[in-house]
N, C-alpha and C. Protein backbone atom coordinates (compact mmCIF):
# COMPACT_ATOMS: atom_id res chain seq x y z
N MET A 1 0.85 -1.19 0.00
CA MET A 1 0.00 0.00 0.00
C MET A 1 0.88 1.23 0.00
N LYS A 2 0.55 2.20 -0.85
CA LYS A 2 1.32 3.44 -0.91
C LYS A 2 0.90 4.38 0.20
N SER A 3 1.84 5.07 0.75
CA SER A 3 1.55 6.07 1.78
C SER A 3 1.80 7.45 1.18
N TYR A 4 0.86 8.34 1.44
CA TYR A 4 0.97 9.69 0.89
C TYR A 4 1.57 10.63 1.92
N LYS A 5 2.58 11.33 1.52
CA LYS A 5 3.23 12.28 2.41
C LYS A 5 3.02 13.70 1.91
N ILE A 6 2.77 14.58 2.84
CA ILE A 6 2.58 15.99 2.48
C ILE A 6 3.92 16.68 2.56
N SER A 7 4.31 17.27 1.48
CA SER A 7 5.60 17.95 1.45
C SER A 7 5.56 19.21 2.29
N LYS A 8 6.74 19.71 2.60
CA LYS A 8 6.84 20.93 3.41
C LYS A 8 6.16 22.09 2.71
N ASN A 9 6.35 22.19 1.40
CA ASN A 9 5.76 23.29 0.64
C ASN A 9 4.23 23.20 0.65
N ASN A 10 3.72 21.96 0.52
CA ASN A 10 2.27 21.77 0.53
C ASN A 10 1.68 22.10 1.90
N SER A 11 2.44 21.79 2.95
CA SER A 11 2.00 22.10 4.31
C SER A 11 1.87 23.60 4.51
N VAL A 12 2.83 24.34 4.01
CA VAL A 12 2.81 25.80 4.13
C VAL A 12 1.62 26.36 3.37
N ILE A 13 1.38 25.83 2.17
CA ILE A 13 0.25 26.29 1.36
C ILE A 13 -1.07 25.99 2.06
N LEU A 14 -1.17 24.81 2.66
CA LEU A 14 -2.39 24.41 3.37
C LEU A 14 -2.64 25.33 4.57
N ILE A 15 -1.59 25.63 5.31
CA ILE A 15 -1.72 26.51 6.49
C ILE A 15 -2.15 27.91 6.06
N ILE A 16 -1.52 28.40 4.97
CA ILE A 16 -1.88 29.73 4.46
C ILE A 16 -3.34 29.75 4.01
N PHE A 17 -3.77 28.66 3.36
CA PHE A 17 -5.15 28.57 2.89
C PHE A 17 -6.14 28.59 4.06
N VAL A 18 -5.83 27.81 5.11
CA VAL A 18 -6.69 27.77 6.29
C VAL A 18 -6.76 29.13 6.97
N LEU A 19 -5.62 29.77 7.09
CA LEU A 19 -5.58 31.11 7.71
C LEU A 19 -6.36 32.12 6.88
N LEU A 20 -6.24 32.00 5.56
CA LEU A 20 -6.94 32.92 4.67
C LEU A 20 -8.46 32.73 4.78
N VAL A 21 -8.90 31.47 4.81
CA VAL A 21 -10.33 31.18 4.96
C VAL A 21 -10.83 31.70 6.30
N SER A 22 -10.03 31.49 7.36
CA SER A 22 -10.40 31.97 8.69
C SER A 22 -10.52 33.49 8.70
N LEU A 23 -9.59 34.16 8.03
CA LEU A 23 -9.61 35.62 7.97
C LEU A 23 -10.86 36.11 7.24
N ILE A 24 -11.19 35.47 6.13
CA ILE A 24 -12.37 35.85 5.34
C ILE A 24 -13.64 35.68 6.17
N ILE A 25 -13.73 34.56 6.91
CA ILE A 25 -14.90 34.30 7.75
C ILE A 25 -15.01 35.35 8.85
N ASN A 26 -13.88 35.68 9.45
CA ASN A 26 -13.88 36.69 10.53
C ASN A 26 -14.30 38.06 10.02
N VAL A 27 -13.79 38.44 8.85
CA VAL A 27 -14.14 39.74 8.26
C VAL A 27 -15.62 39.76 7.91
N TYR A 28 -16.11 38.66 7.31
CA TYR A 28 -17.52 38.58 6.93
C TYR A 28 -18.42 38.65 8.17
N THR A 29 -18.04 37.91 9.21
CA THR A 29 -18.81 37.91 10.46
C THR A 29 -18.84 39.30 11.08
N SER A 30 -17.69 39.98 11.04
CA SER A 30 -17.61 41.32 11.60
C SER A 30 -18.51 42.29 10.86
N ILE A 31 -18.52 42.19 9.53
CA ILE A 31 -19.36 43.07 8.70
C ILE A 31 -20.83 42.79 8.96
N MET A 32 -21.21 41.52 8.98
CA MET A 32 -22.61 41.15 9.22
C MET A 32 -23.05 41.54 10.62
N ASN A 33 -22.15 41.37 11.57
CA ASN A 33 -22.45 41.75 12.95
C ASN A 33 -22.71 43.24 13.07
N SER A 34 -21.89 44.04 12.42
CA SER A 34 -22.05 45.49 12.46
C SER A 34 -23.36 45.91 11.80
N ARG A 35 -23.67 45.30 10.67
CA ARG A 35 -24.92 45.62 9.97
C ARG A 35 -26.12 45.24 10.82
N TYR A 36 -26.03 44.09 11.46
CA TYR A 36 -27.13 43.62 12.31
C TYR A 36 -27.35 44.56 13.48
N LYS A 37 -26.24 44.96 14.14
CA LYS A 37 -26.36 45.84 15.30
C LYS A 37 -26.94 47.20 14.92
N VAL A 38 -26.55 47.72 13.77
CA VAL A 38 -27.09 49.00 13.32
C VAL A 38 -28.57 48.86 12.98
N LEU A 39 -28.92 47.78 12.29
CA LEU A 39 -30.31 47.55 11.89
C LEU A 39 -31.22 47.42 13.10
N ILE A 40 -30.86 46.55 14.02
CA ILE A 40 -31.68 46.35 15.21
C ILE A 40 -31.64 47.58 16.11
N GLY A 41 -30.51 48.28 16.09
CA GLY A 41 -30.38 49.50 16.89
C GLY A 41 -31.33 50.59 16.42
N LYS A 42 -31.41 50.79 15.11
CA LYS A 42 -32.31 51.80 14.55
C LYS A 42 -33.77 51.45 14.83
N GLU A 43 -34.10 50.17 14.67
CA GLU A 43 -35.47 49.72 14.88
C GLU A 43 -35.90 49.89 16.34
N THR A 44 -35.02 49.48 17.25
CA THR A 44 -35.36 49.57 18.67
C THR A 44 -35.34 51.01 19.17
N TYR A 45 -34.46 51.84 18.60
CA TYR A 45 -34.43 53.25 18.97
C TYR A 45 -35.76 53.91 18.62
N LYS A 46 -36.29 53.56 17.45
CA LYS A 46 -37.60 54.08 17.03
C LYS A 46 -38.68 53.68 18.04
N SER A 47 -38.64 52.43 18.47
CA SER A 47 -39.64 51.94 19.43
C SER A 47 -39.51 52.64 20.77
N VAL A 48 -38.27 52.79 21.24
CA VAL A 48 -38.01 53.45 22.52
C VAL A 48 -38.51 54.89 22.51
N GLU A 49 -38.23 55.60 21.42
CA GLU A 49 -38.66 57.00 21.32
C GLU A 49 -40.17 57.13 21.13
N GLU A 50 -40.76 56.20 20.40
CA GLU A 50 -42.21 56.22 20.22
C GLU A 50 -42.92 56.02 21.55
N ILE A 51 -42.43 55.08 22.34
CA ILE A 51 -43.01 54.84 23.67
C ILE A 51 -42.86 56.08 24.54
N ARG A 52 -41.70 56.70 24.50
CA ARG A 52 -41.45 57.91 25.31
C ARG A 52 -42.39 59.04 24.91
N ASN A 53 -42.50 59.31 23.61
CA ASN A 53 -43.35 60.40 23.13
C ASN A 53 -44.83 60.16 23.42
N ARG A 54 -45.28 58.95 23.15
CA ARG A 54 -46.69 58.60 23.40
C ARG A 54 -47.00 58.65 24.90
N ASN A 55 -46.04 58.23 25.71
CA ASN A 55 -46.25 58.25 27.15
C ASN A 55 -46.35 59.68 27.67
N GLU A 56 -45.50 60.57 27.15
CA GLU A 56 -45.55 61.98 27.54
C GLU A 56 -46.89 62.59 27.18
N SER A 57 -47.36 62.30 25.97
CA SER A 57 -48.65 62.82 25.52
C SER A 57 -49.79 62.31 26.40
N SER A 58 -49.74 61.02 26.73
CA SER A 58 -50.77 60.41 27.58
C SER A 58 -50.75 61.01 28.97
N LEU A 59 -49.54 61.25 29.49
CA LEU A 59 -49.41 61.80 30.84
C LEU A 59 -50.06 63.17 30.93
N THR A 60 -49.85 64.01 29.91
CA THR A 60 -50.46 65.34 29.88
C THR A 60 -51.99 65.23 29.86
N THR A 61 -52.50 64.35 29.00
CA THR A 61 -53.95 64.16 28.89
C THR A 61 -54.53 63.62 30.19
N LEU A 62 -53.90 62.62 30.76
CA LEU A 62 -54.38 62.01 32.00
C LEU A 62 -54.40 63.01 33.15
N ASP A 63 -53.38 63.84 33.21
CA ASP A 63 -53.30 64.87 34.27
C ASP A 63 -54.48 65.83 34.16
N GLN A 64 -54.77 66.26 32.94
CA GLN A 64 -55.90 67.17 32.70
C GLN A 64 -57.23 66.52 33.06
N CYS A 65 -57.38 65.25 32.69
CA CYS A 65 -58.63 64.54 32.93
C CYS A 65 -58.89 64.31 34.42
N ILE A 66 -57.85 63.92 35.13
CA ILE A 66 -58.01 63.66 36.57
C ILE A 66 -58.34 64.95 37.32
N LYS A 67 -57.72 66.04 36.90
CA LYS A 67 -58.02 67.33 37.53
C LYS A 67 -59.45 67.76 37.23
N ALA A 68 -59.91 67.46 36.01
CA ALA A 68 -61.27 67.85 35.61
C ALA A 68 -62.31 66.84 36.08
N LYS A 69 -61.85 65.68 36.58
CA LYS A 69 -62.74 64.60 37.04
C LYS A 69 -63.61 64.03 35.90
N SER A 70 -63.13 64.18 34.66
CA SER A 70 -63.87 63.64 33.53
C SER A 70 -62.94 63.45 32.33
N VAL A 71 -63.39 62.58 31.40
CA VAL A 71 -62.62 62.33 30.18
C VAL A 71 -63.56 62.48 29.00
N SER A 72 -63.28 63.42 28.11
CA SER A 72 -64.11 63.60 26.92
C SER A 72 -63.84 62.47 25.94
N ASN A 73 -64.74 62.29 24.98
CA ASN A 73 -64.56 61.25 23.97
C ASN A 73 -63.29 61.48 23.14
N GLU A 74 -62.99 62.75 22.87
CA GLU A 74 -61.78 63.07 22.11
C GLU A 74 -60.53 62.68 22.90
N GLU A 75 -60.54 62.97 24.20
CA GLU A 75 -59.40 62.61 25.05
C GLU A 75 -59.27 61.10 25.18
N LEU A 76 -60.41 60.43 25.27
CA LEU A 76 -60.41 58.98 25.39
C LEU A 76 -59.86 58.33 24.12
N LEU A 77 -60.26 58.85 22.97
CA LEU A 77 -59.76 58.33 21.70
C LEU A 77 -58.25 58.56 21.58
N SER A 78 -57.80 59.75 22.01
CA SER A 78 -56.38 60.06 21.97
C SER A 78 -55.58 59.10 22.86
N LEU A 79 -56.11 58.83 24.04
CA LEU A 79 -55.44 57.90 24.96
C LEU A 79 -55.39 56.49 24.36
N TYR A 80 -56.49 56.09 23.76
CA TYR A 80 -56.54 54.76 23.16
C TYR A 80 -55.50 54.61 22.05
N LYS A 81 -55.40 55.61 21.18
CA LYS A 81 -54.41 55.58 20.10
C LYS A 81 -52.99 55.53 20.66
N ASN A 82 -52.75 56.34 21.70
CA ASN A 82 -51.42 56.35 22.31
C ASN A 82 -51.04 54.99 22.87
N TYR A 83 -51.96 54.40 23.62
CA TYR A 83 -51.64 53.11 24.25
C TYR A 83 -51.65 51.95 23.26
N SER A 84 -52.35 52.08 22.17
CA SER A 84 -52.27 51.08 21.11
C SER A 84 -50.87 51.09 20.51
N SER A 85 -50.35 52.30 20.30
CA SER A 85 -49.01 52.45 19.75
C SER A 85 -47.96 51.98 20.76
N ILE A 86 -48.12 52.36 22.02
CA ILE A 86 -47.17 51.94 23.06
C ILE A 86 -47.14 50.42 23.16
N SER A 87 -48.31 49.81 23.17
CA SER A 87 -48.40 48.35 23.27
C SER A 87 -47.70 47.69 22.09
N GLU A 88 -47.91 48.22 20.89
CA GLU A 88 -47.30 47.65 19.68
C GLU A 88 -45.78 47.77 19.72
N GLU A 89 -45.28 48.96 20.11
CA GLU A 89 -43.83 49.16 20.15
C GLU A 89 -43.18 48.35 21.27
N PHE A 90 -43.90 48.17 22.39
CA PHE A 90 -43.38 47.36 23.48
C PHE A 90 -43.24 45.91 23.03
N ILE A 91 -44.21 45.42 22.28
CA ILE A 91 -44.15 44.06 21.73
C ILE A 91 -43.00 43.94 20.74
N ASN A 92 -42.78 44.98 19.93
CA ASN A 92 -41.66 44.98 18.99
C ASN A 92 -40.32 44.89 19.71
N LEU A 93 -40.20 45.63 20.81
CA LEU A 93 -38.97 45.59 21.59
C LEU A 93 -38.72 44.18 22.13
N TRP A 94 -39.76 43.55 22.63
CA TRP A 94 -39.61 42.20 23.16
C TRP A 94 -39.31 41.20 22.07
N SER A 95 -39.87 41.40 20.90
CA SER A 95 -39.59 40.51 19.78
C SER A 95 -38.12 40.58 19.40
N ASN A 96 -37.58 41.81 19.34
CA ASN A 96 -36.16 41.99 19.05
C ASN A 96 -35.30 41.42 20.17
N TYR A 97 -35.77 41.57 21.39
CA TYR A 97 -35.04 41.07 22.55
C TYR A 97 -34.91 39.55 22.51
N MET A 98 -36.02 38.87 22.18
CA MET A 98 -36.02 37.41 22.16
C MET A 98 -35.16 36.86 21.03
N ASN A 99 -35.03 37.64 19.94
CA ASN A 99 -34.23 37.19 18.80
C ASN A 99 -32.81 37.74 18.83
N TYR A 100 -32.47 38.49 19.86
CA TYR A 100 -31.20 39.20 19.92
C TYR A 100 -30.01 38.23 19.93
N GLY A 101 -29.19 38.29 18.90
CA GLY A 101 -27.98 37.49 18.85
C GLY A 101 -28.20 36.03 18.51
N LYS A 102 -29.38 35.67 17.98
CA LYS A 102 -29.65 34.26 17.67
C LYS A 102 -29.03 33.83 16.33
N GLU A 103 -28.65 34.80 15.50
CA GLU A 103 -28.09 34.45 14.20
C GLU A 103 -26.86 33.58 14.39
N GLU A 104 -26.76 32.51 13.62
CA GLU A 104 -25.69 31.54 13.80
C GLU A 104 -24.31 32.14 13.56
N ILE A 105 -24.21 33.09 12.63
CA ILE A 105 -22.90 33.63 12.29
C ILE A 105 -22.55 34.83 13.14
N ILE A 106 -23.47 35.24 14.02
CA ILE A 106 -23.25 36.47 14.79
C ILE A 106 -23.08 36.17 16.27
N SER A 107 -22.09 36.76 16.84
CA SER A 107 -21.87 36.65 18.28
C SER A 107 -21.79 38.05 18.85
N LEU A 108 -22.74 38.41 19.71
CA LEU A 108 -22.80 39.76 20.24
C LEU A 108 -22.21 39.81 21.65
N ASN A 109 -21.38 40.81 21.88
CA ASN A 109 -20.73 40.95 23.18
C ASN A 109 -21.68 41.35 24.28
N ASN A 110 -22.83 41.91 23.92
CA ASN A 110 -23.73 42.45 24.93
C ASN A 110 -24.77 41.47 25.44
N LYS A 111 -24.57 40.17 25.19
CA LYS A 111 -25.51 39.18 25.66
C LYS A 111 -25.61 39.19 27.18
N SER A 112 -24.57 39.71 27.84
CA SER A 112 -24.59 39.76 29.30
C SER A 112 -25.71 40.65 29.81
N LYS A 113 -26.20 41.54 28.95
CA LYS A 113 -27.29 42.43 29.35
C LYS A 113 -28.63 41.71 29.33
N LYS A 114 -28.67 40.55 28.72
CA LYS A 114 -29.93 39.82 28.64
C LYS A 114 -30.21 39.10 29.95
N SER A 115 -31.48 38.85 30.19
CA SER A 115 -31.88 38.16 31.41
C SER A 115 -32.99 37.17 31.07
N ASN A 116 -33.51 36.53 32.08
CA ASN A 116 -34.58 35.55 31.88
C ASN A 116 -35.95 36.16 32.08
N GLU A 117 -36.02 37.49 32.09
CA GLU A 117 -37.31 38.16 32.27
C GLU A 117 -38.25 37.85 31.12
N VAL A 118 -39.53 37.89 31.41
CA VAL A 118 -40.54 37.68 30.38
C VAL A 118 -41.45 38.90 30.32
N PRO A 119 -41.98 39.22 29.15
CA PRO A 119 -42.83 40.42 29.03
C PRO A 119 -44.16 40.23 29.75
N ASN A 120 -44.63 41.30 30.38
CA ASN A 120 -45.98 41.23 30.95
C ASN A 120 -46.94 41.94 29.99
N GLU A 121 -48.22 41.87 30.27
CA GLU A 121 -49.23 42.35 29.32
C GLU A 121 -49.99 43.57 29.84
N VAL A 122 -49.35 44.37 30.67
CA VAL A 122 -50.04 45.51 31.26
C VAL A 122 -50.51 46.49 30.19
N TYR A 123 -49.65 46.81 29.23
CA TYR A 123 -50.04 47.77 28.19
C TYR A 123 -51.18 47.22 27.33
N THR A 124 -51.14 45.94 27.05
CA THR A 124 -52.22 45.32 26.28
C THR A 124 -53.54 45.42 27.04
N ARG A 125 -53.48 45.22 28.35
CA ARG A 125 -54.68 45.30 29.17
C ARG A 125 -55.20 46.73 29.25
N ILE A 126 -54.31 47.72 29.32
CA ILE A 126 -54.73 49.12 29.33
C ILE A 126 -55.39 49.48 28.00
N GLU A 127 -54.79 49.02 26.91
CA GLU A 127 -55.36 49.26 25.58
C GLU A 127 -56.77 48.68 25.50
N SER A 128 -56.95 47.47 26.01
CA SER A 128 -58.26 46.82 26.00
C SER A 128 -59.26 47.56 26.87
N LEU A 129 -58.80 48.06 28.01
CA LEU A 129 -59.65 48.82 28.92
C LEU A 129 -60.17 50.09 28.24
N LEU A 130 -59.28 50.83 27.60
CA LEU A 130 -59.67 52.06 26.93
C LEU A 130 -60.62 51.79 25.76
N PHE A 131 -60.40 50.67 25.10
CA PHE A 131 -61.31 50.29 24.01
C PHE A 131 -62.71 49.99 24.56
N GLU A 132 -62.76 49.34 25.71
CA GLU A 132 -64.06 49.05 26.34
C GLU A 132 -64.78 50.34 26.71
N TYR A 133 -64.05 51.29 27.25
CA TYR A 133 -64.66 52.58 27.59
C TYR A 133 -65.18 53.28 26.35
N LEU A 134 -64.39 53.24 25.27
CA LEU A 134 -64.82 53.85 24.01
C LEU A 134 -66.09 53.20 23.49
N SER A 135 -66.13 51.88 23.55
CA SER A 135 -67.30 51.14 23.08
C SER A 135 -68.54 51.50 23.87
N LEU A 136 -68.37 51.63 25.18
CA LEU A 136 -69.50 51.99 26.04
C LEU A 136 -70.00 53.40 25.75
N GLU A 137 -69.07 54.32 25.52
CA GLU A 137 -69.44 55.70 25.22
C GLU A 137 -70.21 55.79 23.91
N MET A 138 -69.76 55.02 22.92
CA MET A 138 -70.46 55.01 21.62
C MET A 138 -71.84 54.38 21.75
N LYS A 139 -71.91 53.33 22.55
CA LYS A 139 -73.18 52.63 22.73
C LYS A 139 -74.19 53.49 23.49
N ASN A 140 -73.72 54.20 24.50
CA ASN A 140 -74.61 55.00 25.35
C ASN A 140 -74.75 56.46 24.89
N HIS A 141 -74.01 56.81 23.83
CA HIS A 141 -74.05 58.17 23.26
C HIS A 141 -73.70 59.24 24.31
N ASN A 142 -72.73 58.92 25.15
CA ASN A 142 -72.27 59.89 26.14
C ASN A 142 -71.16 60.75 25.55
N GLU A 143 -71.03 61.97 26.06
CA GLU A 143 -70.00 62.88 25.58
C GLU A 143 -68.72 62.80 26.40
N LYS A 144 -68.84 62.26 27.61
CA LYS A 144 -67.65 62.15 28.45
C LYS A 144 -67.87 61.11 29.55
N ILE A 145 -66.76 60.67 30.12
CA ILE A 145 -66.80 59.74 31.25
C ILE A 145 -66.52 60.53 32.53
N ILE A 146 -67.37 60.36 33.51
CA ILE A 146 -67.13 60.99 34.81
C ILE A 146 -66.16 60.11 35.60
N LEU A 147 -65.13 60.73 36.11
CA LEU A 147 -64.12 59.98 36.85
C LEU A 147 -64.46 59.96 38.34
N ASP A 148 -64.96 58.82 38.76
CA ASP A 148 -65.18 58.60 40.19
C ASP A 148 -65.17 57.09 40.44
N GLY A 149 -65.04 56.69 41.66
CA GLY A 149 -65.05 55.29 42.01
C GLY A 149 -64.03 54.45 41.27
N GLU A 150 -64.49 53.32 40.74
CA GLU A 150 -63.60 52.38 40.05
C GLU A 150 -62.99 52.98 38.78
N VAL A 151 -63.76 53.83 38.09
CA VAL A 151 -63.24 54.47 36.86
C VAL A 151 -62.08 55.39 37.20
N LEU A 152 -62.23 56.19 38.25
CA LEU A 152 -61.16 57.08 38.69
C LEU A 152 -59.94 56.27 39.11
N ALA A 153 -60.16 55.14 39.79
CA ALA A 153 -59.05 54.29 40.23
C ALA A 153 -58.26 53.78 39.03
N ASN A 154 -58.98 53.38 37.96
CA ASN A 154 -58.31 52.89 36.76
C ASN A 154 -57.45 53.97 36.11
N PHE A 155 -58.02 55.15 35.94
CA PHE A 155 -57.28 56.22 35.29
C PHE A 155 -56.13 56.73 36.17
N THR A 156 -56.31 56.68 37.47
CA THR A 156 -55.23 57.08 38.37
C THR A 156 -54.07 56.10 38.29
N ALA A 157 -54.38 54.81 38.20
CA ALA A 157 -53.34 53.79 38.06
C ALA A 157 -52.57 53.98 36.75
N ILE A 158 -53.29 54.26 35.68
CA ILE A 158 -52.65 54.50 34.38
C ILE A 158 -51.77 55.74 34.45
N TYR A 159 -52.29 56.79 35.11
CA TYR A 159 -51.52 58.03 35.26
C TYR A 159 -50.25 57.79 36.06
N ASN A 160 -50.36 57.06 37.17
CA ASN A 160 -49.20 56.80 38.02
C ASN A 160 -48.11 56.04 37.27
N MET A 161 -48.52 55.06 36.47
CA MET A 161 -47.54 54.29 35.71
C MET A 161 -46.89 55.16 34.63
N ALA A 162 -47.69 56.00 33.98
CA ALA A 162 -47.15 56.91 32.96
C ALA A 162 -46.17 57.90 33.58
N ASN A 163 -46.48 58.35 34.77
CA ASN A 163 -45.61 59.30 35.47
C ASN A 163 -44.29 58.65 35.87
N GLU A 164 -44.37 57.41 36.34
CA GLU A 164 -43.16 56.68 36.71
C GLU A 164 -42.27 56.45 35.50
N LEU A 165 -42.89 56.10 34.37
CA LEU A 165 -42.11 55.87 33.15
C LEU A 165 -41.49 57.16 32.64
N ASN A 166 -42.22 58.26 32.74
CA ASN A 166 -41.69 59.56 32.33
C ASN A 166 -40.48 59.94 33.17
N ASP A 167 -40.57 59.71 34.48
CA ASP A 167 -39.45 60.00 35.38
C ASP A 167 -38.25 59.10 35.06
N TYR A 168 -38.55 57.85 34.72
CA TYR A 168 -37.47 56.91 34.40
C TYR A 168 -36.70 57.38 33.15
N TYR A 169 -37.44 57.76 32.11
CA TYR A 169 -36.80 58.24 30.89
C TYR A 169 -35.93 59.46 31.18
N LYS A 170 -36.45 60.39 31.97
CA LYS A 170 -35.69 61.61 32.29
C LYS A 170 -34.40 61.27 33.03
N GLU A 171 -34.52 60.38 34.01
CA GLU A 171 -33.35 60.00 34.79
C GLU A 171 -32.33 59.24 33.93
N PHE A 172 -32.84 58.36 33.07
CA PHE A 172 -31.94 57.59 32.20
C PHE A 172 -31.18 58.51 31.26
N ASN A 173 -31.90 59.43 30.62
CA ASN A 173 -31.25 60.35 29.68
C ASN A 173 -30.28 61.28 30.39
N GLU A 174 -30.63 61.71 31.60
CA GLU A 174 -29.75 62.58 32.37
C GLU A 174 -28.47 61.86 32.74
N THR A 175 -28.59 60.58 33.04
CA THR A 175 -27.43 59.79 33.46
C THR A 175 -26.56 59.37 32.28
N ASN A 176 -27.19 58.96 31.18
CA ASN A 176 -26.45 58.34 30.08
C ASN A 176 -26.26 59.23 28.85
N LEU A 177 -27.06 60.28 28.72
CA LEU A 177 -26.99 61.09 27.50
C LEU A 177 -26.72 62.56 27.76
N LYS A 178 -26.33 62.86 28.98
CA LYS A 178 -26.04 64.26 29.32
C LYS A 178 -24.86 64.76 28.49
N GLY A 179 -25.07 65.87 27.81
CA GLY A 179 -24.01 66.46 26.99
C GLY A 179 -23.91 65.88 25.58
N VAL A 180 -24.72 64.89 25.27
CA VAL A 180 -24.71 64.28 23.93
C VAL A 180 -25.55 65.13 22.98
N ASP A 181 -24.97 65.53 21.85
CA ASP A 181 -25.71 66.31 20.86
C ASP A 181 -26.92 65.54 20.38
N ILE A 182 -28.00 66.27 20.10
CA ILE A 182 -29.26 65.63 19.71
C ILE A 182 -29.10 64.80 18.44
N ASP A 183 -28.21 65.22 17.53
CA ASP A 183 -28.02 64.48 16.29
C ASP A 183 -27.16 63.23 16.48
N LYS A 184 -26.56 63.10 17.67
CA LYS A 184 -25.74 61.93 17.97
C LYS A 184 -26.43 60.99 18.95
N LYS A 185 -27.64 61.34 19.34
CA LYS A 185 -28.36 60.56 20.33
C LYS A 185 -28.64 59.14 19.84
N GLU A 186 -29.12 59.02 18.61
CA GLU A 186 -29.44 57.70 18.08
C GLU A 186 -28.19 56.83 18.00
N THR A 187 -27.08 57.41 17.52
CA THR A 187 -25.83 56.67 17.41
C THR A 187 -25.36 56.17 18.77
N THR A 188 -25.51 57.00 19.79
CA THR A 188 -25.11 56.63 21.15
C THR A 188 -25.97 55.49 21.67
N TYR A 189 -27.28 55.55 21.41
CA TYR A 189 -28.18 54.47 21.81
C TYR A 189 -27.74 53.15 21.18
N ILE A 190 -27.47 53.19 19.88
CA ILE A 190 -27.10 51.97 19.16
C ILE A 190 -25.77 51.41 19.66
N LYS A 191 -24.79 52.29 19.82
CA LYS A 191 -23.45 51.88 20.23
C LYS A 191 -23.46 51.21 21.60
N ASN A 192 -24.28 51.72 22.51
CA ASN A 192 -24.29 51.22 23.89
C ASN A 192 -25.42 50.25 24.20
N HIS A 193 -26.19 49.91 23.17
CA HIS A 193 -27.31 48.97 23.35
C HIS A 193 -28.26 49.42 24.46
N TYR A 194 -28.52 50.72 24.53
CA TYR A 194 -29.35 51.26 25.61
C TYR A 194 -30.77 50.74 25.59
N TRP A 195 -31.21 50.28 24.42
CA TRP A 195 -32.59 49.78 24.34
C TRP A 195 -32.82 48.59 25.27
N LEU A 196 -31.76 47.81 25.51
CA LEU A 196 -31.87 46.69 26.43
C LEU A 196 -32.11 47.17 27.86
N ASP A 197 -31.39 48.23 28.24
CA ASP A 197 -31.57 48.79 29.58
C ASP A 197 -32.96 49.39 29.74
N ILE A 198 -33.41 50.11 28.72
CA ILE A 198 -34.71 50.76 28.79
C ILE A 198 -35.84 49.74 28.81
N LEU A 199 -35.71 48.68 28.03
CA LEU A 199 -36.73 47.63 28.05
C LEU A 199 -36.83 47.02 29.45
N LYS A 200 -35.69 46.79 30.07
CA LYS A 200 -35.67 46.24 31.42
C LYS A 200 -36.31 47.23 32.40
N GLY A 201 -36.03 48.53 32.21
CA GLY A 201 -36.60 49.56 33.08
C GLY A 201 -38.11 49.65 32.94
N ILE A 202 -38.60 49.61 31.70
CA ILE A 202 -40.04 49.65 31.46
C ILE A 202 -40.72 48.46 32.11
N ASN A 203 -40.13 47.29 31.92
CA ASN A 203 -40.72 46.08 32.48
C ASN A 203 -40.75 46.12 34.00
N SER A 204 -39.70 46.71 34.59
CA SER A 204 -39.63 46.82 36.04
C SER A 204 -40.75 47.71 36.58
N ILE A 205 -41.02 48.81 35.89
CA ILE A 205 -42.11 49.72 36.29
C ILE A 205 -43.45 49.01 36.18
N MET A 206 -43.62 48.28 35.11
CA MET A 206 -44.89 47.60 34.87
C MET A 206 -45.16 46.46 35.86
N ASP A 207 -44.09 45.92 36.43
CA ASP A 207 -44.24 44.82 37.39
C ASP A 207 -45.15 45.19 38.56
N SER A 208 -45.13 46.47 38.94
CA SER A 208 -45.95 46.92 40.07
C SER A 208 -47.44 46.89 39.74
N TYR A 209 -47.76 46.80 38.44
CA TYR A 209 -49.16 46.85 38.01
C TYR A 209 -49.65 45.54 37.40
N VAL A 210 -48.82 44.50 37.50
CA VAL A 210 -49.17 43.21 36.90
C VAL A 210 -50.47 42.66 37.48
N ASN A 211 -50.67 42.83 38.78
CA ASN A 211 -51.84 42.27 39.42
C ASN A 211 -53.03 43.25 39.52
N TYR A 212 -52.83 44.44 38.95
CA TYR A 212 -53.93 45.40 38.96
C TYR A 212 -54.94 45.02 37.87
N GLU A 213 -56.22 45.01 38.24
CA GLU A 213 -57.26 44.62 37.30
C GLU A 213 -57.76 45.84 36.52
N PHE A 214 -57.25 46.01 35.32
CA PHE A 214 -57.74 47.08 34.44
C PHE A 214 -59.01 46.58 33.74
N THR A 215 -60.13 46.64 34.45
CA THR A 215 -61.37 46.13 33.89
C THR A 215 -62.51 47.13 34.10
N VAL A 216 -63.51 47.01 33.25
CA VAL A 216 -64.71 47.83 33.36
C VAL A 216 -65.77 47.03 34.12
N LYS A 217 -66.16 47.51 35.25
CA LYS A 217 -67.17 46.82 36.04
C LYS A 217 -68.53 47.49 35.80
N GLN A 218 -69.40 46.76 35.11
CA GLN A 218 -70.70 47.35 34.75
C GLN A 218 -71.76 46.97 35.76
């Protein structure tokens, strides 16, 4: 039986080939990783900002309504639209979170920021509650909801959560984005994966309201 021997020159060529393939794979992985981080960063930044803006708008409306002890149909519709958007963007954040770094060719350094937390459905329940109020107003042809008793308790709970989230955003931005130019804000979010921190912060605030029954008692 003949035995095949690899010459010294062939060994060098083989080593160079393996190193070259390894280099190409590393460069390709690095490029794909960067593209992925930018893509998911832009998408999650949009969600984070949409939640912040909608929450601020809702907080202003809720404050006015609680002081007036009533909610007009226009204000109720505005709140419903805001919380529909918040609920949708919150779900988008969690979807990105669950898929974060799952790509086979991508290895992300920030996996340490991930945890075993699971999303709660507080925003979905608030959206459903506001829809129920809207449906009742349309059915009964009322112009506004009087805030008292259980109805006042529901809107106060929503207001308190919105206020806590607003304070959280302010504190987070003051701590992490102080001195950052407005045109560099998105880049800073993406670079530091801040959406992961904010998602965790939002979920932490919502935990206090997980057992609150956002329901219409007729």
